[in-house]
Amino acid sequence: MTTAQADTGRTVTTNIPARLDRLPWSRWHWTIVIGLGTVWILDGLEVTVVGNIASRLSEPGSGLSISSGQVTGIAAALYVAGACVGALFWGRLTDKWGRKKLFMITLAVYLAATALTAVSFDSWWFFLFRFLTGFGIGGEYAAINSAIDELIPAPYRGRVDLMINGSFWLGAVGGSLLSIVALNTDIFAKDVGWRLTFALGAVLAFVILLVRRHVPESPRWLLIHGRDGEAERIVTSIEQRVEAERGGERLPRPEGEITIHQRRSVTFVEIARTVFSDYRRRSVLGFSLFIGQAFLYNAITFGFGAILTTFFDVPTGDTGYYFAVIAIGNFCGPLLLGKLFDTVGRRVMISSTYLLSGLLLFGTAWLFDQGSLSASTLTACWCAVLFFASAGASSAYLTVSEVFPMETRAMSIAFFYALGTAAGGISGPLLFADLTNTGKVGDTVLAFQIGAGLMCAAGLVAAFLAVRAERRSLEDIAKPLTASA
């Protein structure tokens, strides 16, 4: 690494990004996956538990004066609104203060908020802390996806990112099974079981917080913010661990250097110009992917339990079994298809997963309208839809985290997540709650068709605008704003 003085700060020529990208997969990388990726399990647990306990919360004796529609509508919308606000608030600080500091703070916020949800004594308290729980989770999306992409080698970045984002559905499986136990009045009283589900989320968050202490700051972030000495020490330590794991075998020489004019921060004007002017086509792509997946997931899966109880007379305590099956299908999508995003390529895989999930959802809507589905066959159809949709939705986060410059990465993730989710995730649950509460088949079919149409539209946009980012370094995909010409 070489340095020189410049009017705006130090100028550094380094091969640190190339050194990170040429690392073979190792146990150290698994520690990153576990330390950072497990938070999506908590998000999946949160969303699923609330959807499954909605009917129980509305029953007399639950301890809250609240309706099922308010839980799946207002509370769900507040959770998503909190996530949108949190993403923007914490995203800016993640680019300014660093990845590690923020992914510790945001997890602590989530932990406190979900613990306080467990002691809700009135509906307003429940709504308030659903918002604050989302506020913490929103910050996690920006901080975690930034750190993961900057620490994982380029040849593995796509599959790892998809697998981590897809782990949301492991939490959904756990939330479904947990709700079965929590809603069993032979085990827990009506006003106790649902509280324990939130308390468990807080306990899991505390465990993850302890593990996360060992995850280092992103060397790429340190390099740009004038802390190249610290970045050098971290990368050297990682290389030594990987070589020791390989029996002392020397790593291959890194190829490529980059020259950086170090700066402490980037202004909002520069961020806006980068997103809306320099990378306009990529911005259209990001908005399309997020709006499509946000509406489908936040609008439809929030109300899945209500569909089962309303149209198929499934007992409240049994909805968790059906959702567990759907959640497994969701996790299998990114897990089995993830490698193809690094081999076949981003454009083909992103567009095809969005289009296939949209078309299958149109088919499900038609069958539902014809009265051809039972609770079991509807679940099977949803498994097929969400197998592809889950991989596509995860690729939305991958896309916006790798196609914009380093200095704007966390803020870009936050920006697209917030606006896309606000469009589909806040209006979606409110609209869908109204549609399913009517008990009319046609209204639910309409909700399915809207979600399917938006997914197909996003798939067509990806077919033309998706970036061929597979196996390329982040600095090659989007040159840092501080890089030398």
Protein backbone atom coordinates (compact mmCIF):
# COMPACT_ATOMS: atom_id res chain seq x y z
CA MET A 1 0.00 0.00 0.00
CA THR A 2 1.31 3.44 -0.88
CA THR A 3 0.11 6.86 0.24
CA ALA A 4 0.50 10.46 -0.87
CA GLN A 5 -0.81 13.80 0.32
CA ALA A 6 -3.62 15.58 -1.55
CA ASP A 7 -5.55 18.78 -0.98
CA THR A 8 -8.64 16.91 0.06
CA GLY A 9 -6.80 14.37 2.27
CA ARG A 10 -4.56 11.37 1.88
CA THR A 11 -4.36 9.47 -1.38
CA VAL A 12 -3.95 5.72 -0.96
CA THR A 13 -3.12 3.08 -3.54
CA THR A 14 -4.07 -0.33 -2.24
CA ASN A 15 -4.88 -3.93 -3.21
CA ILE A 16 -7.07 -4.62 -0.17
CA PRO A 17 -10.29 -5.17 -2.22
CA ALA A 18 -8.43 -7.61 -4.49
CA ARG A 19 -7.01 -9.42 -1.47
CA LEU A 20 -10.49 -9.90 -0.01
CA ASP A 21 -11.95 -11.11 -3.32
CA ARG A 22 -9.22 -13.70 -3.98
CA LEU A 23 -9.72 -15.47 -0.64
CA PRO A 24 -10.99 -19.06 -0.85
CA TRP A 25 -14.05 -19.95 1.18
CA SER A 26 -13.08 -20.64 4.78
CA ARG A 27 -14.36 -21.08 8.32
CA TRP A 28 -13.81 -17.37 8.82
CA HIS A 29 -16.41 -16.61 6.17
CA TRP A 30 -18.86 -18.88 7.97
CA THR A 31 -18.41 -16.79 11.12
CA ILE A 32 -19.49 -13.75 9.08
CA VAL A 33 -22.53 -15.58 7.76
CA ILE A 34 -23.56 -16.70 11.25
CA GLY A 35 -22.79 -13.42 12.98
CA LEU A 36 -24.54 -11.20 10.45
CA GLY A 37 -27.02 -13.36 8.58
CA THR A 38 -28.90 -14.82 11.52
CA VAL A 39 -30.76 -11.55 12.10
CA TRP A 40 -33.05 -12.35 9.16
CA ILE A 41 -34.19 -15.36 11.15
CA LEU A 42 -35.43 -12.92 13.79
CA ASP A 43 -37.25 -10.86 11.16
CA GLY A 44 -38.94 -13.98 9.84
CA LEU A 45 -39.88 -15.01 13.36
CA GLU A 46 -41.41 -11.59 14.04
CA VAL A 47 -43.52 -11.34 10.90
CA THR A 48 -44.75 -14.93 11.04
CA VAL A 49 -45.63 -14.94 14.70
CA VAL A 50 -47.71 -11.77 14.37
CA GLY A 51 -49.58 -13.16 11.36
CA ASN A 52 -50.32 -16.44 13.11
CA ILE A 53 -51.36 -15.01 16.47
CA ALA A 54 -53.65 -12.36 14.96
CA SER A 55 -56.78 -14.38 15.59
CA ARG A 56 -55.74 -15.23 19.15
CA LEU A 57 -55.03 -11.59 20.03
CA SER A 58 -58.55 -10.67 18.95
CA GLU A 59 -60.16 -13.25 21.25
CA PRO A 60 -61.52 -12.34 24.69
CA GLY A 61 -58.97 -13.03 27.39
CA SER A 62 -55.90 -12.29 25.27
CA GLY A 63 -55.00 -9.28 27.38
CA LEU A 64 -55.42 -6.80 24.53
CA SER A 65 -58.46 -5.07 23.08
CA ILE A 66 -57.61 -5.50 19.42
CA SER A 67 -59.11 -7.05 16.29
CA SER A 68 -57.50 -9.53 13.92
CA GLY A 69 -57.73 -6.94 11.12
CA GLN A 70 -55.86 -4.41 13.24
CA VAL A 71 -53.04 -6.89 13.83
CA THR A 72 -52.64 -7.88 10.16
CA GLY A 73 -53.45 -4.38 8.92
CA ILE A 74 -52.46 -1.52 11.23
CA ALA A 75 -49.78 -3.34 13.25
CA ALA A 76 -48.28 -4.88 10.12
CA ALA A 77 -48.23 -1.53 8.35
CA LEU A 78 -46.62 0.15 11.38
CA TYR A 79 -43.93 -2.54 11.51
CA VAL A 80 -43.11 -1.95 7.85
CA ALA A 81 -43.30 1.84 8.29
CA GLY A 82 -40.85 1.56 11.17
CA ALA A 83 -38.53 -0.52 9.01
CA CYS A 84 -38.66 2.10 6.23
CA VAL A 85 -37.92 4.99 8.61
CA GLY A 86 -35.24 2.97 10.37
CA ALA A 87 -33.56 2.03 7.10
CA LEU A 88 -33.22 5.68 6.08
CA PHE A 89 -32.16 6.87 9.54
CA TRP A 90 -29.62 4.14 10.21
CA GLY A 91 -28.53 3.80 6.57
CA ARG A 92 -27.01 7.27 6.50
CA LEU A 93 -25.20 6.60 9.79
CA THR A 94 -23.92 3.26 8.48
CA ASP A 95 -22.10 5.00 5.63
CA LYS A 96 -20.85 7.69 8.00
CA TRP A 97 -19.99 5.81 11.20
CA GLY A 98 -19.20 2.34 9.89
CA ARG A 99 -20.88 -1.04 9.41
CA LYS A 100 -19.95 -2.64 12.73
CA LYS A 101 -21.06 0.18 15.03
CA LEU A 102 -24.46 0.31 13.35
CA PHE A 103 -25.17 -3.42 13.16
CA MET A 104 -24.55 -3.57 16.92
CA ILE A 105 -26.78 -0.57 17.68
CA THR A 106 -29.68 -1.61 15.44
CA LEU A 107 -29.76 -5.12 16.89
CA ALA A 108 -29.89 -3.63 20.40
CA VAL A 109 -32.86 -1.46 19.34
CA TYR A 110 -34.65 -4.52 17.98
CA LEU A 111 -33.94 -6.47 21.17
CA ALA A 112 -35.40 -3.79 23.43
CA ALA A 113 -38.46 -3.14 21.27
CA THR A 114 -39.48 -6.78 20.88
CA ALA A 115 -39.03 -7.38 24.61
CA LEU A 116 -41.34 -4.45 25.36
CA THR A 117 -43.89 -5.79 22.84
CA ALA A 118 -44.12 -8.91 25.02
CA VAL A 119 -45.47 -6.84 27.94
CA SER A 120 -48.12 -4.98 25.91
CA PHE A 121 -51.09 -4.02 28.09
CA ASP A 122 -53.04 -1.96 25.53
CA SER A 123 -53.34 -1.76 21.76
CA TRP A 124 -51.49 1.57 21.52
CA TRP A 125 -48.47 0.06 23.33
CA PHE A 126 -48.51 -2.93 20.98
CA PHE A 127 -48.66 -0.63 17.92
CA LEU A 128 -45.87 1.62 19.24
CA PHE A 129 -43.40 -1.18 19.82
CA ARG A 130 -44.26 -2.93 16.57
CA PHE A 131 -43.15 0.33 14.92
CA LEU A 132 -39.94 0.47 16.98
CA THR A 133 -39.19 -3.20 16.32
CA GLY A 134 -39.40 -2.46 12.60
CA PHE A 135 -37.25 0.64 13.19
CA GLY A 136 -34.43 -1.58 14.41
CA ILE A 137 -34.88 -4.20 11.69
CA GLY A 138 -34.81 -1.54 8.96
CA GLY A 139 -31.39 -0.42 10.10
CA GLU A 140 -30.21 -4.01 10.05
CA TYR A 141 -31.02 -4.34 6.34
CA ALA A 142 -28.70 -1.45 5.45
CA ALA A 143 -25.84 -2.29 7.81
CA ILE A 144 -25.83 -6.06 7.33
CA ASN A 145 -26.12 -6.18 3.54
CA SER A 146 -23.34 -3.59 3.24
CA ALA A 147 -21.02 -5.55 5.50
CA ILE A 148 -21.76 -8.90 3.89
CA ASP A 149 -21.08 -7.74 0.34
CA GLU A 150 -17.85 -6.01 1.38
CA LEU A 151 -16.51 -9.03 3.27
CA ILE A 152 -17.56 -11.96 1.05
CA PRO A 153 -15.31 -12.80 -1.98
CA ALA A 154 -16.74 -11.88 -5.39
CA PRO A 155 -17.14 -15.49 -6.69
CA TYR A 156 -19.43 -16.34 -3.76
CA ARG A 157 -21.18 -13.01 -3.16
CA GLY A 158 -24.43 -13.79 -5.00
CA ARG A 159 -25.19 -17.18 -3.46
CA VAL A 160 -24.17 -16.08 0.06
CA ASP A 161 -26.26 -12.92 -0.11
CA LEU A 162 -29.29 -14.86 -1.33
CA MET A 163 -28.86 -17.57 1.28
CA ILE A 164 -28.57 -15.03 4.09
CA ASN A 165 -31.57 -12.99 2.98
CA GLY A 166 -33.48 -16.23 2.43
CA SER A 167 -32.78 -17.30 6.02
CA PHE A 168 -35.73 -15.04 6.87
CA TRP A 169 -37.79 -18.12 6.14
CA LEU A 170 -35.98 -20.28 8.66
CA GLY A 171 -37.29 -17.79 11.18
CA ALA A 172 -40.71 -18.12 9.57
CA VAL A 173 -40.61 -21.88 10.07
CA GLY A 174 -39.63 -21.37 13.70
CA GLY A 175 -42.31 -18.73 14.13
CA SER A 176 -44.97 -21.02 12.67
CA LEU A 177 -44.05 -23.94 14.89
CA LEU A 178 -43.65 -21.68 17.90
CA SER A 179 -47.09 -20.20 17.36
CA ILE A 180 -48.60 -23.70 17.38
CA VAL A 181 -47.25 -24.25 20.87
CA ALA A 182 -47.96 -20.70 22.05
CA LEU A 183 -51.59 -20.83 20.88
CA ASN A 184 -52.26 -24.15 22.61
CA THR A 185 -54.40 -23.17 25.59
CA ASP A 186 -53.70 -26.56 27.20
CA ILE A 187 -50.12 -25.35 27.65
CA PHE A 188 -50.37 -21.57 28.01
CA ALA A 189 -53.17 -19.21 28.96
CA LYS A 190 -54.55 -16.98 26.22
CA ASP A 191 -52.78 -13.92 27.59
CA VAL A 192 -49.41 -15.67 28.12
CA GLY A 193 -48.49 -17.75 25.06
CA TRP A 194 -48.28 -14.93 22.54
CA ARG A 195 -46.14 -12.89 24.94
CA LEU A 196 -43.60 -15.69 25.22
CA THR A 197 -43.09 -15.69 21.44
CA PHE A 198 -41.88 -12.08 21.55
CA ALA A 199 -39.78 -12.76 24.63
CA LEU A 200 -38.03 -15.58 22.80
CA GLY A 201 -37.19 -13.19 19.96
CA ALA A 202 -35.47 -10.90 22.46
CA VAL A 203 -33.45 -13.80 23.88
CA LEU A 204 -32.29 -14.88 20.42
CA ALA A 205 -31.31 -11.30 19.59
CA PHE A 206 -29.16 -11.16 22.73
CA VAL A 207 -27.33 -14.34 21.71
CA ILE A 208 -26.68 -12.94 18.21
CA LEU A 209 -25.43 -9.71 19.77
CA LEU A 210 -22.77 -11.69 21.65
CA VAL A 211 -21.67 -13.54 18.49
CA ARG A 212 -21.61 -10.36 16.42
CA ARG A 213 -18.94 -8.76 18.60
CA HIS A 214 -16.34 -10.87 16.80
CA VAL A 215 -17.24 -9.64 13.30
CA PRO A 216 -14.71 -6.99 12.14
CA GLU A 217 -15.40 -3.64 10.55
CA SER A 218 -15.42 -3.66 6.74
CA PRO A 219 -11.83 -3.04 5.53
CA ARG A 220 -13.27 -1.35 2.44
CA TRP A 221 -15.11 1.18 4.62
CA LEU A 222 -12.03 1.75 6.78
CA LEU A 223 -9.89 2.30 3.70
CA ILE A 224 -12.07 5.08 2.33
CA HIS A 225 -12.47 6.80 5.70
CA GLY A 226 -8.78 7.32 6.40
CA ARG A 227 -8.22 4.22 8.53
CA ASP A 228 -6.12 2.24 6.07
CA GLY A 229 -3.73 1.04 8.79
CA GLU A 230 -6.60 -0.65 10.61
CA ALA A 231 -7.90 -2.08 7.32
CA GLU A 232 -4.45 -3.53 6.59
CA ARG A 233 -4.28 -5.21 10.00
CA ILE A 234 -7.74 -6.77 9.62
CA VAL A 235 -7.07 -8.14 6.13
CA THR A 236 -3.65 -9.48 7.16
CA SER A 237 -5.25 -11.23 10.13
CA ILE A 238 -7.91 -12.80 7.88
CA GLU A 239 -5.26 -14.00 5.42
CA GLN A 240 -3.23 -15.57 8.22
CA ARG A 241 -6.28 -17.42 9.52
CA VAL A 242 -7.18 -18.71 6.06
CA GLU A 243 -3.60 -19.85 5.37
CA ALA A 244 -3.45 -21.62 8.73
CA GLU A 245 -6.71 -23.36 7.92
CA ARG A 246 -5.17 -24.54 4.62
CA GLY A 247 -2.18 -26.05 6.37
CA GLY A 248 0.15 -23.12 5.72
CA GLU A 249 -0.47 -23.05 1.95
CA ARG A 250 0.23 -19.59 0.60
CA LEU A 251 -2.64 -17.64 -0.95
CA PRO A 252 -2.41 -16.62 -4.61
CA ARG A 253 -1.17 -13.11 -5.36
CA PRO A 254 -3.97 -10.51 -5.58
CA GLU A 255 -4.55 -8.94 -8.95
CA GLY A 256 -5.35 -5.25 -9.27
CA GLU A 257 -4.98 -2.08 -7.22
CA ILE A 258 -7.14 0.97 -6.70
CA THR A 259 -6.23 4.54 -5.75
CA ILE A 260 -8.47 6.26 -3.23
CA HIS A 261 -8.68 9.92 -2.19
CA GLN A 262 -9.74 9.39 1.41
CA ARG A 263 -12.67 11.37 2.80
CA ARG A 264 -14.63 11.33 6.02
CA SER A 265 -18.11 11.63 4.51
CA VAL A 266 -20.15 12.10 1.34
CA THR A 267 -22.91 14.72 1.14
CA PHE A 268 -26.57 14.03 0.43
CA VAL A 269 -26.22 16.03 -2.79
CA GLU A 270 -23.52 13.67 -4.01
CA ILE A 271 -25.58 10.64 -3.04
CA ALA A 272 -28.64 11.98 -4.86
CA ARG A 273 -26.63 12.84 -7.97
CA THR A 274 -25.07 9.38 -7.98
CA VAL A 275 -28.38 7.54 -7.63
CA PHE A 276 -30.63 9.68 -9.83
CA SER A 277 -28.19 10.90 -12.47
CA ASP A 278 -25.07 8.78 -12.80
CA TYR A 279 -26.86 5.47 -12.21
CA ARG A 280 -30.39 6.27 -13.40
CA ARG A 281 -31.02 2.92 -15.09
CA ARG A 282 -29.87 1.03 -12.02
CA SER A 283 -32.20 3.12 -9.90
CA VAL A 284 -35.18 2.15 -12.06
CA LEU A 285 -34.14 -1.48 -11.67
CA GLY A 286 -33.87 -1.18 -7.88
CA PHE A 287 -37.27 0.47 -7.51
CA SER A 288 -38.94 -2.13 -9.71
CA LEU A 289 -37.48 -5.11 -7.87
CA PHE A 290 -38.32 -3.75 -4.43
CA ILE A 291 -41.86 -2.67 -5.23
CA GLY A 292 -42.69 -6.02 -6.82
CA GLN A 293 -41.37 -8.20 -4.02
CA ALA A 294 -42.50 -5.90 -1.21
CA PHE A 295 -46.12 -5.91 -2.32
CA LEU A 296 -46.23 -9.66 -2.85
CA TYR A 297 -44.67 -10.53 0.48
CA ASN A 298 -45.86 -7.80 2.80
CA ALA A 299 -49.34 -7.61 1.33
CA ILE A 300 -50.12 -11.29 0.88
CA THR A 301 -48.15 -13.38 3.35
CA PHE A 302 -49.16 -11.13 6.24
CA GLY A 303 -52.75 -12.32 5.70
CA PHE A 304 -52.18 -15.97 4.86
CA GLY A 305 -53.50 -17.16 8.23
CA ALA A 306 -56.64 -15.09 7.73
CA ILE A 307 -57.23 -16.70 4.32
CA LEU A 308 -57.00 -20.18 5.82
CA THR A 309 -59.43 -19.41 8.63
CA THR A 310 -61.86 -17.38 6.50
CA PHE A 311 -62.14 -19.52 3.37
CA PHE A 312 -61.13 -23.01 4.53
CA ASP A 313 -62.25 -23.05 8.19
CA VAL A 314 -58.76 -23.96 9.40
CA PRO A 315 -58.61 -23.64 13.21
CA THR A 316 -56.53 -20.74 14.48
CA GLY A 317 -54.14 -23.07 16.27
CA ASP A 318 -53.40 -25.03 13.08
CA THR A 319 -52.42 -22.23 10.70
CA GLY A 320 -48.81 -22.50 11.81
CA TYR A 321 -48.48 -25.95 10.20
CA TYR A 322 -49.44 -24.58 6.79
CA PHE A 323 -47.20 -21.56 7.09
CA ALA A 324 -44.26 -23.74 8.13
CA VAL A 325 -44.59 -25.67 4.86
CA ILE A 326 -44.67 -22.43 2.85
CA ALA A 327 -41.67 -21.09 4.75
CA ILE A 328 -39.63 -24.18 3.93
CA GLY A 329 -40.40 -23.67 0.23
CA ASN A 330 -39.29 -20.06 0.55
CA PHE A 331 -35.95 -20.98 2.09
CA CYS A 332 -35.29 -23.72 -0.47
CA GLY A 333 -35.54 -21.19 -3.33
CA PRO A 334 -32.47 -19.07 -2.47
CA LEU A 335 -30.65 -22.12 -1.12
CA LEU A 336 -31.01 -24.20 -4.29
CA LEU A 337 -31.00 -21.42 -6.88
CA GLY A 338 -28.38 -19.15 -5.28
CA LYS A 339 -25.34 -20.67 -7.00
CA LEU A 340 -26.93 -20.00 -10.39
CA PHE A 341 -26.82 -16.26 -9.72
CA ASP A 342 -23.00 -16.56 -9.68
CA THR A 343 -22.75 -18.95 -12.64
CA VAL A 344 -25.65 -18.45 -15.05
CA GLY A 345 -25.66 -14.76 -14.15
CA ARG A 346 -27.69 -12.04 -12.49
CA ARG A 347 -29.79 -10.88 -15.46
CA VAL A 348 -31.12 -14.30 -16.43
CA MET A 349 -31.80 -15.44 -12.88
CA ILE A 350 -33.35 -12.23 -11.54
CA SER A 351 -35.73 -11.80 -14.46
CA SER A 352 -36.70 -15.49 -14.59
CA THR A 353 -37.42 -15.81 -10.86
CA TYR A 354 -39.63 -12.72 -10.88
CA LEU A 355 -41.51 -13.75 -14.01
CA LEU A 356 -42.01 -17.37 -12.96
CA SER A 357 -43.32 -16.42 -9.52
CA GLY A 358 -45.70 -13.87 -11.05
CA LEU A 359 -47.08 -16.30 -13.61
CA LEU A 360 -47.54 -19.03 -11.00
CA LEU A 361 -49.36 -16.56 -8.76
CA PHE A 362 -51.73 -15.70 -11.63
CA GLY A 363 -52.41 -19.42 -11.95
CA THR A 364 -53.06 -19.73 -8.21
CA ALA A 365 -55.48 -16.80 -8.35
CA TRP A 366 -57.41 -18.47 -11.17
CA LEU A 367 -57.66 -21.79 -9.32
CA PHE A 368 -58.73 -20.01 -6.14
CA ASP A 369 -61.42 -18.14 -8.07
CA GLN A 370 -62.70 -21.40 -9.54
CA GLY A 371 -63.02 -22.95 -6.09
CA SER A 372 -60.57 -25.67 -7.08
CA LEU A 373 -58.28 -25.32 -4.08
CA SER A 374 -58.32 -26.68 -0.56
CA ALA A 375 -56.16 -25.48 2.31
CA SER A 376 -53.54 -28.10 1.38
CA THR A 377 -53.51 -27.45 -2.37
CA LEU A 378 -53.43 -23.68 -1.83
CA THR A 379 -50.39 -24.22 0.36
CA ALA A 380 -48.79 -26.34 -2.36
CA CYS A 381 -49.41 -23.60 -4.94
CA TRP A 382 -47.90 -21.01 -2.62
CA CYS A 383 -44.83 -23.20 -2.13
CA ALA A 384 -44.27 -23.20 -5.89
CA VAL A 385 -44.84 -19.44 -6.20
CA LEU A 386 -42.60 -18.52 -3.31
CA PHE A 387 -39.81 -20.94 -4.21
CA PHE A 388 -39.00 -18.59 -7.10
CA ALA A 389 -40.26 -15.37 -5.49
CA SER A 390 -38.00 -15.81 -2.48
CA ALA A 391 -34.89 -16.08 -4.66
CA GLY A 392 -36.05 -13.05 -6.63
CA ALA A 393 -36.80 -10.99 -3.53
CA SER A 394 -33.39 -11.82 -2.05
CA SER A 395 -31.75 -10.77 -5.31
CA ALA A 396 -33.33 -7.31 -4.94
CA TYR A 397 -31.23 -6.72 -1.82
CA LEU A 398 -28.17 -8.17 -3.56
CA THR A 399 -28.70 -5.89 -6.55
CA VAL A 400 -28.93 -2.54 -4.76
CA SER A 401 -26.06 -3.45 -2.43
CA GLU A 402 -23.59 -4.16 -5.23
CA VAL A 403 -24.44 -1.84 -8.15
CA PHE A 404 -23.84 1.52 -6.45
CA PRO A 405 -20.54 3.06 -5.26
CA MET A 406 -19.01 2.09 -1.94
CA GLU A 407 -19.65 5.46 -0.28
CA THR A 408 -23.39 5.26 -0.93
CA ARG A 409 -23.92 1.53 -0.41
CA ALA A 410 -25.79 1.50 2.91
CA MET A 411 -27.81 4.59 2.02
CA SER A 412 -28.72 3.11 -1.37
CA ILE A 413 -29.95 -0.09 0.26
CA ALA A 414 -31.93 1.95 2.76
CA PHE A 415 -33.35 4.26 0.11
CA PHE A 416 -34.63 1.56 -2.23
CA TYR A 417 -35.82 -0.63 0.60
CA ALA A 418 -37.71 2.25 2.22
CA LEU A 419 -39.39 3.60 -0.91
CA GLY A 420 -40.11 0.22 -2.47
CA THR A 421 -41.39 -1.23 0.79
CA ALA A 422 -43.43 1.89 1.53
CA ALA A 423 -45.14 1.55 -1.84
CA GLY A 424 -45.95 -2.14 -1.47
CA GLY A 425 -45.41 -2.89 2.19
CA ILE A 426 -47.45 -0.19 3.91
CA SER A 427 -50.34 0.14 1.49
CA GLY A 428 -50.27 -3.61 0.81
CA PRO A 429 -51.16 -4.92 4.29
CA LEU A 430 -53.82 -2.23 4.73
CA LEU A 431 -55.40 -3.02 1.36
CA PHE A 432 -55.11 -6.76 1.75
CA ALA A 433 -56.59 -6.74 5.25
CA ASP A 434 -59.65 -4.97 3.83
CA LEU A 435 -59.92 -7.41 0.93
CA THR A 436 -59.67 -10.59 3.01
CA ASN A 437 -61.96 -9.29 5.74
CA THR A 438 -64.84 -9.04 3.25
CA GLY A 439 -64.88 -12.83 2.98
CA LYS A 440 -65.42 -12.53 -0.79
CA VAL A 441 -63.38 -14.78 -3.06
CA GLY A 442 -63.20 -12.12 -5.76
CA ASP A 443 -61.55 -9.60 -3.44
CA THR A 444 -58.80 -12.02 -2.46
CA VAL A 445 -58.29 -12.99 -6.10
CA LEU A 446 -57.81 -9.30 -6.94
CA ALA A 447 -55.07 -8.99 -4.30
CA PHE A 448 -53.30 -12.04 -5.76
CA GLN A 449 -53.51 -10.59 -9.26
CA ILE A 450 -52.08 -7.22 -8.21
CA GLY A 451 -49.10 -8.92 -6.57
CA ALA A 452 -48.57 -11.17 -9.60
CA GLY A 453 -48.74 -8.26 -12.03
CA LEU A 454 -46.13 -6.25 -10.15
CA MET A 455 -43.78 -9.25 -9.96
CA CYS A 456 -44.06 -9.83 -13.71
CA ALA A 457 -43.50 -6.15 -14.45
CA ALA A 458 -40.35 -6.17 -12.29
CA GLY A 459 -39.13 -9.29 -14.10
CA LEU A 460 -39.45 -7.56 -17.47
CA VAL A 461 -37.51 -4.54 -16.17
CA ALA A 462 -34.75 -6.86 -14.93
CA ALA A 463 -34.56 -8.58 -18.30
CA PHE A 464 -33.46 -5.28 -19.84
CA LEU A 465 -31.70 -3.43 -17.01
CA ALA A 466 -30.12 -6.02 -14.67
CA VAL A 467 -26.36 -5.57 -14.24
CA ARG A 468 -23.99 -8.42 -15.04
CA ALA A 469 -22.33 -8.32 -11.63
CA GLU A 470 -21.53 -12.01 -11.21
CA ARG A 471 -17.95 -12.78 -10.09
CA ARG A 472 -16.93 -9.12 -10.44
CA SER A 473 -15.41 -7.01 -7.68
CA LEU A 474 -17.59 -4.31 -6.15
CA GLU A 475 -15.12 -1.65 -7.32
CA ASP A 476 -15.42 -2.91 -10.90
CA ILE A 477 -19.22 -2.93 -10.84
CA ALA A 478 -19.42 0.62 -9.46
CA LYS A 479 -16.29 2.72 -9.13
CA PRO A 480 -16.00 4.40 -5.69
CA LEU A 481 -16.70 8.13 -5.69
CA THR A 482 -13.34 8.66 -4.01
CA ALA A 483 -11.40 6.58 -6.55
CA SER A 484 -8.77 8.21 -8.75
CA ALA A 485 -9.76 8.70 -12.37
